[in-house]
């Protein structure tokens, strides 16, 4: 398994955990304020991790694309009429 597929799998698992925690909170599965605070803390932490992963992936894509600029007009004056 390469790094990219590992990161995608990790993102999928985190999103599944977020969905399960959100359903738990919204469906009345929380019976105390302490449990509510704990679950909302987990949700916040997982969302932060997902955001960081997305930021790192975007940065890698930008780094991968650097240096791949192809100049189309190699000879600017080639197509211009001479005076």
C-alpha atoms as a PDB file:
ATOM      1  CA  UNK A   1       0.000   0.000   0.000  1.00  0.00           C
ATOM      2  CA  UNK A   2       1.495   3.332  -1.010  1.00  0.00           C
ATOM      3  CA  UNK A   3       1.308   6.485   1.095  1.00  0.00           C
ATOM      4  CA  UNK A   4      -1.477   8.080  -0.904  1.00  0.00           C
ATOM      5  CA  UNK A   5      -3.865   5.133  -0.607  1.00  0.00           C
ATOM      6  CA  UNK A   6      -3.045   4.910   3.115  1.00  0.00           C
ATOM      7  CA  UNK A   7      -3.994   8.560   3.587  1.00  0.00           C
ATOM      8  CA  UNK A   8      -7.234   8.102   1.639  1.00  0.00           C
ATOM      9  CA  UNK A   9      -8.139   5.065   3.742  1.00  0.00           C
ATOM     10  CA  UNK A  10      -7.347   7.008   6.916  1.00  0.00           C
ATOM     11  CA  UNK A  11      -9.583   9.872   5.772  1.00  0.00           C
ATOM     12  CA  UNK A  12     -12.419   7.432   5.069  1.00  0.00           C
ATOM     13  CA  UNK A  13     -12.128   5.860   8.539  1.00  0.00           C
ATOM     14  CA  UNK A  14     -12.047   9.275  10.217  1.00  0.00           C
ATOM     15  CA  UNK A  15     -15.153  10.371   8.283  1.00  0.00           C
ATOM     16  CA  UNK A  16     -16.952   7.171   9.305  1.00  0.00           C
ATOM     17  CA  UNK A  17     -16.058   7.808  12.957  1.00  0.00           C
ATOM     18  CA  UNK A  18     -17.272  11.392  12.658  1.00  0.00           C
ATOM     19  CA  UNK A  19     -20.578  10.220  11.214  1.00  0.00           C
ATOM     20  CA  UNK A  20     -21.039   7.674  13.999  1.00  0.00           C
ATOM     21  CA  UNK A  21     -20.276  10.245  16.695  1.00  0.00           C
ATOM     22  CA  UNK A  22     -22.632  12.786  15.110  1.00  0.00           C
ATOM     23  CA  UNK A  23     -25.440  10.237  14.910  1.00  0.00           C
ATOM     24  CA  UNK A  24     -24.818   9.336  18.547  1.00  0.00           C
ATOM     25  CA  UNK A  25     -25.198  12.969  19.603  1.00  0.00           C
ATOM     26  CA  UNK A  26     -28.201  13.765  17.410  1.00  0.00           C
ATOM     27  CA  UNK A  27     -30.143  10.575  18.119  1.00  0.00           C
ATOM     28  CA  UNK A  28     -30.157  11.025  21.874  1.00  0.00           C
ATOM     29  CA  UNK A  29     -27.381   8.566  22.682  1.00  0.00           C
ATOM     30  CA  UNK A  30     -25.814  11.027  25.113  1.00  0.00           C
ATOM     31  CA  UNK A  31     -27.145  10.740  28.642  1.00  0.00           C
ATOM     32  CA  UNK A  32     -24.912  13.194  30.499  1.00  0.00           C
ATOM     33  CA  UNK A  33     -23.275  16.537  29.960  1.00  0.00           C
ATOM     34  CA  UNK A  34     -19.818  15.029  30.501  1.00  0.00           C
ATOM     35  CA  UNK A  35     -20.426  12.446  27.769  1.00  0.00           C
ATOM     36  CA  UNK A  36     -21.696  15.187  25.458  1.00  0.00           C
ATOM     37  CA  UNK A  37     -18.574  17.278  26.063  1.00  0.00           C
ATOM     38  CA  UNK A  38     -16.354  14.232  25.499  1.00  0.00           C
ATOM     39  CA  UNK A  39     -18.016  13.348  22.191  1.00  0.00           C
ATOM     40  CA  UNK A  40     -18.011  16.922  20.912  1.00  0.00           C
ATOM     41  CA  UNK A  41     -14.309  17.084  21.816  1.00  0.00           C
ATOM     42  CA  UNK A  42     -13.694  13.941  19.769  1.00  0.00           C
ATOM     43  CA  UNK A  43     -15.627  15.419  16.845  1.00  0.00           C
ATOM     44  CA  UNK A  44     -13.594  18.607  17.038  1.00  0.00           C
ATOM     45  CA  UNK A  45     -10.292  16.720  17.147  1.00  0.00           C
ATOM     46  CA  UNK A  46     -11.201  14.472  14.222  1.00  0.00           C
ATOM     47  CA  UNK A  47     -12.309  17.462  12.144  1.00  0.00           C
ATOM     48  CA  UNK A  48      -8.989  19.159  12.895  1.00  0.00           C
ATOM     49  CA  UNK A  49      -7.108  16.057  11.755  1.00  0.00           C
ATOM     50  CA  UNK A  50      -9.141  15.885   8.533  1.00  0.00           C
ATOM     51  CA  UNK A  51      -8.444  19.558   7.857  1.00  0.00           C
ATOM     52  CA  UNK A  52      -4.725  19.076   8.411  1.00  0.00           C
ATOM     53  CA  UNK A  53      -4.639  16.055   6.083  1.00  0.00           C
ATOM     54  CA  UNK A  54      -6.473  18.042   3.399  1.00  0.00           C
ATOM     55  CA  UNK A  55      -4.068  20.961   3.785  1.00  0.00           C
ATOM     56  CA  UNK A  56      -1.045  18.681   3.500  1.00  0.00           C
ATOM     57  CA  UNK A  57      -2.467  16.942   0.428  1.00  0.00           C
ATOM     58  CA  UNK A  58      -3.198  20.288  -1.260  1.00  0.00           C
ATOM     59  CA  UNK A  59       0.321  21.475  -0.467  1.00  0.00           C
ATOM     60  CA  UNK A  60       1.792  18.264  -1.929  1.00  0.00           C
ATOM     61  CA  UNK A  61      -0.238  18.704  -5.113  1.00  0.00           C
ATOM     62  CA  UNK A  62       1.066  22.251  -5.450  1.00  0.00           C
ATOM     63  CA  UNK A  63       4.647  21.065  -4.847  1.00  0.00           C
ATOM     64  CA  UNK A  64       4.229  18.267  -7.390  1.00  0.00           C
ATOM     65  CA  UNK A  65       3.068  20.751 -10.023  1.00  0.00           C
ATOM     66  CA  UNK A  66       5.960  23.173  -9.454  1.00  0.00           C
ATOM     67  CA  UNK A  67       8.557  23.194 -12.157  1.00  0.00           C
ATOM     68  CA  UNK A  68       6.278  21.694 -14.794  1.00  0.00           C
ATOM     69  CA  UNK A  69       5.609  24.914 -16.658  1.00  0.00           C
ATOM     70  CA  UNK A  70       6.087  24.553 -20.392  1.00  0.00           C
ATOM     71  CA  UNK A  71       6.797  27.679 -22.339  1.00  0.00           C
ATOM     72  CA  UNK A  72       4.717  27.640 -25.504  1.00  0.00           C
ATOM     73  CA  UNK A  73       6.202  30.708 -27.156  1.00  0.00           C
ATOM     74  CA  UNK A  74       9.869  29.689 -27.143  1.00  0.00           C
ATOM     75  CA  UNK A  75      10.649  32.111 -29.936  1.00  0.00           C
ATOM     76  CA  UNK A  76       8.526  35.201 -29.362  1.00  0.00           C
ATOM     77  CA  UNK A  77       9.768  36.971 -32.459  1.00  0.00           C
ATOM     78  CA  UNK A  78       9.433  33.962 -34.764  1.00  0.00           C
ATOM     79  CA  UNK A  79       5.870  34.713 -35.870  1.00  0.00           C
ATOM     80  CA  UNK A  80       6.214  38.499 -36.037  1.00  0.00           C
ATOM     81  CA  UNK A  81       6.742  40.238 -39.376  1.00  0.00           C
ATOM     82  CA  UNK A  82      10.202  41.751 -39.807  1.00  0.00           C
ATOM     83  CA  UNK A  83      10.471  45.459 -40.563  1.00  0.00           C
END
